[in-house]
Amino acid sequence: MQKIDKYSIGLIMGVLLPFIFGVIYVDTMNLWYAFKTFQFEAGGVLSKLLLVSVFPDLALVFIGYTLQLWRVSKGLLMGTFPYLLASLIVSL
């Protein structure tokens, strides 16, 4: 387990996983029309989308803490901060 307990692995996963989950969520909920016509701003959908996309990271942080992968969990948390910050900025 010590070989995969690296900060960089967690950081890369923390940045890429919310983006992938957000694209899958937009595709599943058929929100491409709203995305193309910039209607995300109208109802605060963009900030909610950013918050929903962070959930897989938080689940992986919980799993990482359970398996005692401390560095990976720290990297995941650091990877989620840009999405949380962007969500706060968009919602204001």
PDB file of N, CA and C in Angstrom:
ATOM      1  N   MET A   1       0.806  -1.198   0.000  1.00  0.00           N
ATOM      2  CA  MET A   1       0.000   0.000   0.000  1.00  0.00           C
ATOM      3  C   MET A   1       0.853   1.267   0.000  1.00  0.00           C
ATOM      4  N   GLN A   2       2.069   1.162   0.464  1.00  0.00           N
ATOM      5  CA  GLN A   2       2.912   2.347   0.536  1.00  0.00           C
ATOM      6  C   GLN A   2       3.318   2.857  -0.843  1.00  0.00           C
ATOM      7  N   LYS A   3       3.314   1.968  -1.856  1.00  0.00           N
ATOM      8  CA  LYS A   3       3.706   2.402  -3.192  1.00  0.00           C
ATOM      9  C   LYS A   3       2.669   3.313  -3.818  1.00  0.00           C
ATOM     10  N   ILE A   4       1.397   3.100  -3.503  1.00  0.00           N
ATOM     11  CA  ILE A   4       0.357   3.941  -4.096  1.00  0.00           C
ATOM     12  C   ILE A   4       0.008   5.130  -3.208  1.00  0.00           C
ATOM     13  N   ASP A   5       0.589   5.231  -2.028  1.00  0.00           N
ATOM     14  CA  ASP A   5       0.304   6.335  -1.130  1.00  0.00           C
ATOM     15  C   ASP A   5       1.207   7.516  -1.482  1.00  0.00           C
ATOM     16  N   LYS A   6       0.893   8.167  -2.584  1.00  0.00           N
ATOM     17  CA  LYS A   6       1.670   9.317  -3.042  1.00  0.00           C
ATOM     18  C   LYS A   6       0.749  10.521  -3.200  1.00  0.00           C
ATOM     19  N   TYR A   7       1.251  11.672  -2.816  1.00  0.00           N
ATOM     20  CA  TYR A   7       0.492  12.915  -2.883  1.00  0.00           C
ATOM     21  C   TYR A   7       0.115  13.252  -4.322  1.00  0.00           C
ATOM     22  N   SER A   8       1.031  13.028  -5.257  1.00  0.00           N
ATOM     23  CA  SER A   8       0.783  13.387  -6.657  1.00  0.00           C
ATOM     24  C   SER A   8      -0.340  12.560  -7.272  1.00  0.00           C
ATOM     25  N   ILE A   9      -0.446  11.295  -6.901  1.00  0.00           N
ATOM     26  CA  ILE A   9      -1.534  10.457  -7.407  1.00  0.00           C
ATOM     27  C   ILE A   9      -2.874  11.002  -6.941  1.00  0.00           C
ATOM     28  N   GLY A  10      -2.949  11.373  -5.674  1.00  0.00           N
ATOM     29  CA  GLY A  10      -4.186  11.935  -5.139  1.00  0.00           C
ATOM     30  C   GLY A  10      -4.527  13.268  -5.771  1.00  0.00           C
ATOM     31  N   LEU A  11      -3.528  14.099  -6.017  1.00  0.00           N
ATOM     32  CA  LEU A  11      -3.773  15.406  -6.622  1.00  0.00           C
ATOM     33  C   LEU A  11      -4.281  15.262  -8.058  1.00  0.00           C
ATOM     34  N   ILE A  12      -3.680  14.381  -8.821  1.00  0.00           N
ATOM     35  CA  ILE A  12      -4.137  14.169 -10.198  1.00  0.00           C
ATOM     36  C   ILE A  12      -5.553  13.616 -10.215  1.00  0.00           C
ATOM     37  N   MET A  13      -5.824  12.635  -9.348  1.00  0.00           N
ATOM     38  CA  MET A  13      -7.179  12.090  -9.264  1.00  0.00           C
ATOM     39  C   MET A  13      -8.164  13.153  -8.780  1.00  0.00           C
ATOM     40  N   GLY A  14      -7.731  14.000  -7.860  1.00  0.00           N
ATOM     41  CA  GLY A  14      -8.600  15.033  -7.320  1.00  0.00           C
ATOM     42  C   GLY A  14      -8.972  16.098  -8.327  1.00  0.00           C
ATOM     43  N   VAL A  15      -8.131  16.323  -9.308  1.00  0.00           N
ATOM     44  CA  VAL A  15      -8.430  17.314 -10.341  1.00  0.00           C
ATOM     45  C   VAL A  15      -9.211  16.697 -11.502  1.00  0.00           C
ATOM     46  N   LEU A  16      -8.864  15.497 -11.900  1.00  0.00           N
ATOM     47  CA  LEU A  16      -9.491  14.892 -13.071  1.00  0.00           C
ATOM     48  C   LEU A  16     -10.848  14.244 -12.786  1.00  0.00           C
ATOM     49  N   LEU A  17     -11.007  13.620 -11.631  1.00  0.00           N
ATOM     50  CA  LEU A  17     -12.238  12.891 -11.343  1.00  0.00           C
ATOM     51  C   LEU A  17     -13.480  13.787 -11.312  1.00  0.00           C
ATOM     52  N   PRO A  18     -13.452  14.979 -10.700  1.00  0.00           N
ATOM     53  CA  PRO A  18     -14.652  15.826 -10.765  1.00  0.00           C
ATOM     54  C   PRO A  18     -14.988  16.278 -12.179  1.00  0.00           C
ATOM     55  N   PHE A  19     -13.978  16.534 -12.998  1.00  0.00           N
ATOM     56  CA  PHE A  19     -14.238  16.933 -14.378  1.00  0.00           C
ATOM     57  C   PHE A  19     -14.925  15.803 -15.140  1.00  0.00           C
ATOM     58  N   ILE A  20     -14.404  14.589 -14.988  1.00  0.00           N
ATOM     59  CA  ILE A  20     -15.000  13.439 -15.676  1.00  0.00           C
ATOM     60  C   ILE A  20     -16.412  13.187 -15.170  1.00  0.00           C
ATOM     61  N   PHE A  21     -16.604  13.246 -13.851  1.00  0.00           N
ATOM     62  CA  PHE A  21     -17.929  13.031 -13.287  1.00  0.00           C
ATOM     63  C   PHE A  21     -18.897  14.125 -13.727  1.00  0.00           C
ATOM     64  N   GLY A  22     -18.430  15.373 -13.837  1.00  0.00           N
ATOM     65  CA  GLY A  22     -19.284  16.460 -14.303  1.00  0.00           C
ATOM     66  C   GLY A  22     -19.727  16.266 -15.744  1.00  0.00           C
ATOM     67  N   VAL A  23     -18.821  15.827 -16.601  1.00  0.00           N
ATOM     68  CA  VAL A  23     -19.182  15.575 -17.997  1.00  0.00           C
ATOM     69  C   VAL A  23     -20.190  14.436 -18.090  1.00  0.00           C
ATOM     70  N   ILE A  24     -19.979  13.379 -17.312  1.00  0.00           N
ATOM     71  CA  ILE A  24     -20.928  12.263 -17.314  1.00  0.00           C
ATOM     72  C   ILE A  24     -22.288  12.720 -16.784  1.00  0.00           C
ATOM     73  N   TYR A  25     -22.291  13.560 -15.758  1.00  0.00           N
ATOM     74  CA  TYR A  25     -23.544  14.057 -15.190  1.00  0.00           C
ATOM     75  C   TYR A  25     -24.298  14.925 -16.201  1.00  0.00           C
ATOM     76  N   VAL A  26     -23.594  15.810 -16.889  1.00  0.00           N
ATOM     77  CA  VAL A  26     -24.229  16.662 -17.899  1.00  0.00           C
ATOM     78  C   VAL A  26     -24.780  15.816 -19.032  1.00  0.00           C
ATOM     79  N   ASP A  27     -24.043  14.801 -19.439  1.00  0.00           N
ATOM     80  CA  ASP A  27     -24.503  13.932 -20.511  1.00  0.00           C
ATOM     81  C   ASP A  27     -25.715  13.104 -20.070  1.00  0.00           C
ATOM     82  N   THR A  28     -25.693  12.593 -18.857  1.00  0.00           N
ATOM     83  CA  THR A  28     -26.797  11.781 -18.360  1.00  0.00           C
ATOM     84  C   THR A  28     -28.066  12.599 -18.168  1.00  0.00           C
ATOM     85  N   MET A  29     -27.929  13.796 -17.628  1.00  0.00           N
ATOM     86  CA  MET A  29     -29.095  14.642 -17.370  1.00  0.00           C
ATOM     87  C   MET A  29     -29.502  15.444 -18.601  1.00  0.00           C
ATOM     88  N   ASN A  30     -28.791  15.260 -19.715  1.00  0.00           N
ATOM     89  CA  ASN A  30     -29.093  15.926 -20.981  1.00  0.00           C
ATOM     90  C   ASN A  30     -29.111  17.452 -20.827  1.00  0.00           C
ATOM     91  N   LEU A  31     -28.042  17.987 -20.271  1.00  0.00           N
ATOM     92  CA  LEU A  31     -27.918  19.427 -20.059  1.00  0.00           C
ATOM     93  C   LEU A  31     -27.036  20.096 -21.102  1.00  0.00           C
ATOM     94  N   TRP A  32     -26.762  19.422 -22.208  1.00  0.00           N
ATOM     95  CA  TRP A  32     -25.882  20.002 -23.217  1.00  0.00           C
ATOM     96  C   TRP A  32     -26.493  21.246 -23.854  1.00  0.00           C
ATOM     97  N   TYR A  33     -27.807  21.284 -24.032  1.00  0.00           N
ATOM     98  CA  TYR A  33     -28.440  22.462 -24.618  1.00  0.00           C
ATOM     99  C   TYR A  33     -28.249  23.682 -23.720  1.00  0.00           C
ATOM    100  N   ALA A  34     -28.445  23.484 -22.428  1.00  0.00           N
ATOM    101  CA  ALA A  34     -28.234  24.588 -21.488  1.00  0.00           C
ATOM    102  C   ALA A  34     -26.764  25.012 -21.468  1.00  0.00           C
ATOM    103  N   PHE A  35     -25.876  24.058 -21.642  1.00  0.00           N
ATOM    104  CA  PHE A  35     -24.455  24.375 -21.659  1.00  0.00           C
ATOM    105  C   PHE A  35     -24.081  25.173 -22.904  1.00  0.00           C
ATOM    106  N   LYS A  36     -24.648  24.814 -24.052  1.00  0.00           N
ATOM    107  CA  LYS A  36     -24.333  25.501 -25.307  1.00  0.00           C
ATOM    108  C   LYS A  36     -24.935  26.893 -25.362  1.00  0.00           C
ATOM    109  N   THR A  37     -26.077  27.098 -24.736  1.00  0.00           N
ATOM    110  CA  THR A  37     -26.739  28.401 -24.794  1.00  0.00           C
ATOM    111  C   THR A  37     -26.453  29.262 -23.574  1.00  0.00           C
ATOM    112  N   PHE A  38     -25.501  28.839 -22.759  1.00  0.00           N
ATOM    113  CA  PHE A  38     -25.079  29.598 -21.573  1.00  0.00           C
ATOM    114  C   PHE A  38     -26.229  29.875 -20.612  1.00  0.00           C
ATOM    115  N   GLN A  39     -27.125  28.923 -20.442  1.00  0.00           N
ATOM    116  CA  GLN A  39     -28.215  29.082 -19.498  1.00  0.00           C
ATOM    117  C   GLN A  39     -27.870  28.512 -18.128  1.00  0.00           C
ATOM    118  N   PHE A  40     -26.636  28.130 -17.927  1.00  0.00           N
ATOM    119  CA  PHE A  40     -26.227  27.619 -16.621  1.00  0.00           C
ATOM    120  C   PHE A  40     -26.261  28.714 -15.566  1.00  0.00           C
ATOM    121  N   GLU A  41     -26.000  29.932 -15.958  1.00  0.00           N
ATOM    122  CA  GLU A  41     -25.942  31.033 -15.002  1.00  0.00           C
ATOM    123  C   GLU A  41     -27.316  31.382 -14.445  1.00  0.00           C
ATOM    124  N   ALA A  42     -28.375  31.119 -15.202  1.00  0.00           N
ATOM    125  CA  ALA A  42     -29.705  31.594 -14.842  1.00  0.00           C
ATOM    126  C   ALA A  42     -30.174  31.052 -13.495  1.00  0.00           C
ATOM    127  N   GLY A  43     -30.112  29.781 -13.286  1.00  0.00           N
ATOM    128  CA  GLY A  43     -30.630  29.222 -12.052  1.00  0.00           C
ATOM    129  C   GLY A  43     -29.561  28.764 -11.094  1.00  0.00           C
ATOM    130  N   GLY A  44     -28.358  29.185 -11.283  1.00  0.00           N
ATOM    131  CA  GLY A  44     -27.275  28.727 -10.432  1.00  0.00           C
ATOM    132  C   GLY A  44     -26.917  27.276 -10.683  1.00  0.00           C
ATOM    133  N   VAL A  45     -27.197  26.805 -11.890  1.00  0.00           N
ATOM    134  CA  VAL A  45     -26.957  25.398 -12.213  1.00  0.00           C
ATOM    135  C   VAL A  45     -25.460  25.103 -12.252  1.00  0.00           C
ATOM    136  N   LEU A  46     -24.666  26.060 -12.685  1.00  0.00           N
ATOM    137  CA  LEU A  46     -23.226  25.825 -12.787  1.00  0.00           C
ATOM    138  C   LEU A  46     -22.612  25.595 -11.414  1.00  0.00           C
ATOM    139  N   SER A  47     -22.989  26.381 -10.425  1.00  0.00           N
ATOM    140  CA  SER A  47     -22.433  26.181  -9.087  1.00  0.00           C
ATOM    141  C   SER A  47     -22.888  24.849  -8.501  1.00  0.00           C
ATOM    142  N   LYS A  48     -24.123  24.457  -8.780  1.00  0.00           N
ATOM    143  CA  LYS A  48     -24.610  23.164  -8.302  1.00  0.00           C
ATOM    144  C   LYS A  48     -23.907  22.016  -9.025  1.00  0.00           C
ATOM    145  N   LEU A  49     -23.638  22.190 -10.305  1.00  0.00           N
ATOM    146  CA  LEU A  49     -22.917  21.173 -11.065  1.00  0.00           C
ATOM    147  C   LEU A  49     -21.502  20.996 -10.516  1.00  0.00           C
ATOM    148  N   LEU A  50     -20.853  22.094 -10.176  1.00  0.00           N
ATOM    149  CA  LEU A  50     -19.513  22.005  -9.614  1.00  0.00           C
ATOM    150  C   LEU A  50     -19.528  21.304  -8.263  1.00  0.00           C
ATOM    151  N   LEU A  51     -20.541  21.564  -7.457  1.00  0.00           N
ATOM    152  CA  LEU A  51     -20.628  20.898  -6.162  1.00  0.00           C
ATOM    153  C   LEU A  51     -20.948  19.416  -6.300  1.00  0.00           C
ATOM    154  N   VAL A  52     -21.811  19.064  -7.241  1.00  0.00           N
ATOM    155  CA  VAL A  52     -22.141  17.651  -7.455  1.00  0.00           C
ATOM    156  C   VAL A  52     -20.923  16.892  -7.972  1.00  0.00           C
ATOM    157  N   SER A  53     -20.111  17.536  -8.767  1.00  0.00           N
ATOM    158  CA  SER A  53     -18.955  16.840  -9.330  1.00  0.00           C
ATOM    159  C   SER A  53     -17.873  16.548  -8.290  1.00  0.00           C
ATOM    160  N   VAL A  54     -17.957  17.164  -7.124  1.00  0.00           N
ATOM    161  CA  VAL A  54     -16.966  16.960  -6.074  1.00  0.00           C
ATOM    162  C   VAL A  54     -17.271  15.709  -5.238  1.00  0.00           C
ATOM    163  N   PHE A  55     -18.488  15.200  -5.269  1.00  0.00           N
ATOM    164  CA  PHE A  55     -18.873  14.065  -4.435  1.00  0.00           C
ATOM    165  C   PHE A  55     -17.994  12.824  -4.603  1.00  0.00           C
ATOM    166  N   PRO A  56     -17.591  12.440  -5.822  1.00  0.00           N
ATOM    167  CA  PRO A  56     -16.716  11.258  -5.922  1.00  0.00           C
ATOM    168  C   PRO A  56     -15.378  11.449  -5.209  1.00  0.00           C
ATOM    169  N   ASP A  57     -14.846  12.661  -5.249  1.00  0.00           N
ATOM    170  CA  ASP A  57     -13.597  12.933  -4.539  1.00  0.00           C
ATOM    171  C   ASP A  57     -13.770  12.749  -3.039  1.00  0.00           C
ATOM    172  N   LEU A  58     -14.860  13.254  -2.513  1.00  0.00           N
ATOM    173  CA  LEU A  58     -15.080  13.141  -1.074  1.00  0.00           C
ATOM    174  C   LEU A  58     -15.284  11.689  -0.656  1.00  0.00           C
ATOM    175  N   ALA A  59     -15.911  10.904  -1.515  1.00  0.00           N
ATOM    176  CA  ALA A  59     -16.059   9.474  -1.225  1.00  0.00           C
ATOM    177  C   ALA A  59     -14.694   8.785  -1.234  1.00  0.00           C
ATOM    178  N   LEU A  60     -13.842   9.164  -2.179  1.00  0.00           N
ATOM    179  CA  LEU A  60     -12.504   8.571  -2.227  1.00  0.00           C
ATOM    180  C   LEU A  60     -11.643   9.012  -1.046  1.00  0.00           C
ATOM    181  N   VAL A  61     -11.848  10.229  -0.560  1.00  0.00           N
ATOM    182  CA  VAL A  61     -11.128  10.668   0.641  1.00  0.00           C
ATOM    183  C   VAL A  61     -11.524   9.793   1.823  1.00  0.00           C
ATOM    184  N   PHE A  62     -12.811   9.511   1.953  1.00  0.00           N
ATOM    185  CA  PHE A  62     -13.268   8.637   3.025  1.00  0.00           C
ATOM    186  C   PHE A  62     -12.650   7.248   2.909  1.00  0.00           C
ATOM    187  N   ILE A  63     -12.621   6.700   1.696  1.00  0.00           N
ATOM    188  CA  ILE A  63     -12.024   5.381   1.484  1.00  0.00           C
ATOM    189  C   ILE A  63     -10.522   5.425   1.765  1.00  0.00           C
ATOM    190  N   GLY A  64      -9.872   6.512   1.360  1.00  0.00           N
ATOM    191  CA  GLY A  64      -8.436   6.652   1.617  1.00  0.00           C
ATOM    192  C   GLY A  64      -8.116   6.723   3.092  1.00  0.00           C
ATOM    193  N   TYR A  65      -8.938   7.435   3.857  1.00  0.00           N
ATOM    194  CA  TYR A  65      -8.728   7.483   5.303  1.00  0.00           C
ATOM    195  C   TYR A  65      -8.992   6.132   5.941  1.00  0.00           C
ATOM    196  N   THR A  66      -9.964   5.396   5.432  1.00  0.00           N
ATOM    197  CA  THR A  66     -10.266   4.072   5.972  1.00  0.00           C
ATOM    198  C   THR A  66      -9.106   3.106   5.721  1.00  0.00           C
ATOM    199  N   LEU A  67      -8.495   3.211   4.538  1.00  0.00           N
ATOM    200  CA  LEU A  67      -7.370   2.337   4.195  1.00  0.00           C
ATOM    201  C   LEU A  67      -6.023   2.899   4.649  1.00  0.00           C
ATOM    202  N   GLN A  68      -6.041   4.019   5.343  1.00  0.00           N
ATOM    203  CA  GLN A  68      -4.855   4.701   5.849  1.00  0.00           C
ATOM    204  C   GLN A  68      -3.894   5.117   4.736  1.00  0.00           C
ATOM    205  N   LEU A  69      -4.446   5.627   3.650  1.00  0.00           N
ATOM    206  CA  LEU A  69      -3.656   6.221   2.565  1.00  0.00           C
ATOM    207  C   LEU A  69      -3.686   7.734   2.764  1.00  0.00           C
ATOM    208  N   TRP A  70      -2.883   8.203   3.689  1.00  0.00           N
ATOM    209  CA  TRP A  70      -2.963   9.595   4.131  1.00  0.00           C
ATOM    210  C   TRP A  70      -2.552  10.573   3.045  1.00  0.00           C
ATOM    211  N   ARG A  71      -1.486  10.289   2.322  1.00  0.00           N
ATOM    212  CA  ARG A  71      -0.993  11.221   1.299  1.00  0.00           C
ATOM    213  C   ARG A  71      -1.953  11.315   0.117  1.00  0.00           C
ATOM    214  N   VAL A  72      -2.511  10.183  -0.290  1.00  0.00           N
ATOM    215  CA  VAL A  72      -3.488  10.194  -1.385  1.00  0.00           C
ATOM    216  C   VAL A  72      -4.710  11.007  -0.970  1.00  0.00           C
ATOM    217  N   SER A  73      -5.146  10.843   0.271  1.00  0.00           N
ATOM    218  CA  SER A  73      -6.309  11.588   0.760  1.00  0.00           C
ATOM    219  C   SER A  73      -6.033  13.086   0.803  1.00  0.00           C
ATOM    220  N   LYS A  74      -4.829  13.467   1.211  1.00  0.00           N
ATOM    221  CA  LYS A  74      -4.471  14.892   1.205  1.00  0.00           C
ATOM    222  C   LYS A  74      -4.453  15.449  -0.209  1.00  0.00           C
ATOM    223  N   GLY A  75      -3.930  14.679  -1.145  1.00  0.00           N
ATOM    224  CA  GLY A  75      -3.920  15.104  -2.539  1.00  0.00           C
ATOM    225  C   GLY A  75      -5.323  15.242  -3.101  1.00  0.00           C
ATOM    226  N   LEU A  76      -6.204  14.312  -2.759  1.00  0.00           N
ATOM    227  CA  LEU A  76      -7.598  14.404  -3.207  1.00  0.00           C
ATOM    228  C   LEU A  76      -8.267  15.653  -2.664  1.00  0.00           C
ATOM    229  N   LEU A  77      -8.039  15.949  -1.402  1.00  0.00           N
ATOM    230  CA  LEU A  77      -8.638  17.156  -0.823  1.00  0.00           C
ATOM    231  C   LEU A  77      -8.101  18.420  -1.491  1.00  0.00           C
ATOM    232  N   MET A  78      -6.806  18.438  -1.767  1.00  0.00           N
ATOM    233  CA  MET A  78      -6.237  19.612  -2.437  1.00  0.00           C
ATOM    234  C   MET A  78      -6.758  19.738  -3.867  1.00  0.00           C
ATOM    235  N   GLY A  79      -7.065  18.623  -4.502  1.00  0.00           N
ATOM    236  CA  GLY A  79      -7.620  18.653  -5.851  1.00  0.00           C
ATOM    237  C   GLY A  79      -9.061  19.129  -5.888  1.00  0.00           C
ATOM    238  N   THR A  80      -9.788  18.991  -4.782  1.00  0.00           N
ATOM    239  CA  THR A  80     -11.181  19.441  -4.750  1.00  0.00           C
ATOM    240  C   THR A  80     -11.311  20.927  -4.466  1.00  0.00           C
ATOM    241  N   PHE A  81     -10.303  21.539  -3.868  1.00  0.00           N
ATOM    242  CA  PHE A  81     -10.410  22.951  -3.516  1.00  0.00           C
ATOM    243  C   PHE A  81     -10.651  23.879  -4.709  1.00  0.00           C
ATOM    244  N   PRO A  82     -10.021  23.685  -5.875  1.00  0.00           N
ATOM    245  CA  PRO A  82     -10.345  24.574  -7.007  1.00  0.00           C
ATOM    246  C   PRO A  82     -11.812  24.491  -7.430  1.00  0.00           C
ATOM    247  N   TYR A  83     -12.396  23.297  -7.367  1.00  0.00           N
ATOM    248  CA  TYR A  83     -13.806  23.156  -7.737  1.00  0.00           C
ATOM    249  C   TYR A  83     -14.716  23.822  -6.700  1.00  0.00           C
ATOM    250  N   LEU A  84     -14.385  23.666  -5.434  1.00  0.00           N
ATOM    251  CA  LEU A  84     -15.186  24.306  -4.394  1.00  0.00           C
ATOM    252  C   LEU A  84     -15.056  25.825  -4.462  1.00  0.00           C
ATOM    253  N   LEU A  85     -13.865  26.306  -4.718  1.00  0.00           N
ATOM    254  CA  LEU A  85     -13.644  27.743  -4.849  1.00  0.00           C
ATOM    255  C   LEU A  85     -14.359  28.306  -6.062  1.00  0.00           C
ATOM    256  N   ALA A  86     -14.319  27.591  -7.175  1.00  0.00           N
ATOM    257  CA  ALA A  86     -15.030  28.022  -8.382  1.00  0.00           C
ATOM    258  C   ALA A  86     -16.540  28.042  -8.145  1.00  0.00           C
ATOM    259  N   SER A  87     -17.032  27.077  -7.395  1.00  0.00           N
ATOM    260  CA  SER A  87     -18.462  27.035  -7.089  1.00  0.00           C
ATOM    261  C   SER A  87     -18.865  28.231  -6.231  1.00  0.00           C
ATOM    262  N   LEU A  88     -18.048  28.589  -5.279  1.00  0.00           N
ATOM    263  CA  LEU A  88     -18.351  29.760  -4.441  1.00  0.00           C
ATOM    264  C   LEU A  88     -18.300  31.048  -5.253  1.00  0.00           C
ATOM    265  N   ILE A  89     -17.310  31.168  -6.140  1.00  0.00           N
ATOM    266  CA  ILE A  89     -17.191  32.381  -6.946  1.00  0.00           C
ATOM    267  C   ILE A  89     -18.368  32.517  -7.905  1.00  0.00           C
ATOM    268  N   VAL A  90     -18.779  31.410  -8.509  1.00  0.00           N
ATOM    269  CA  VAL A  90     -19.901  31.455  -9.460  1.00  0.00           C
ATOM    270  C   VAL A  90     -21.215  31.772  -8.747  1.00  0.00           C
ATOM    271  N   SER A  91     -21.375  31.264  -7.531  1.00  0.00           N
ATOM    272  CA  SER A  91     -22.636  31.480  -6.823  1.00  0.00           C
ATOM    273  C   SER A  91     -22.781  32.913  -6.318  1.00  0.00           C
ATOM    274  N   LEU A  92     -21.695  33.632  -6.191  1.00  0.00           N
ATOM    275  CA  LEU A  92     -21.781  35.033  -5.728  1.00  0.00           C
ATOM    276  C   LEU A  92     -22.129  35.872  -6.894  1.00  0.00           C
TER     277      LEU A  92
END
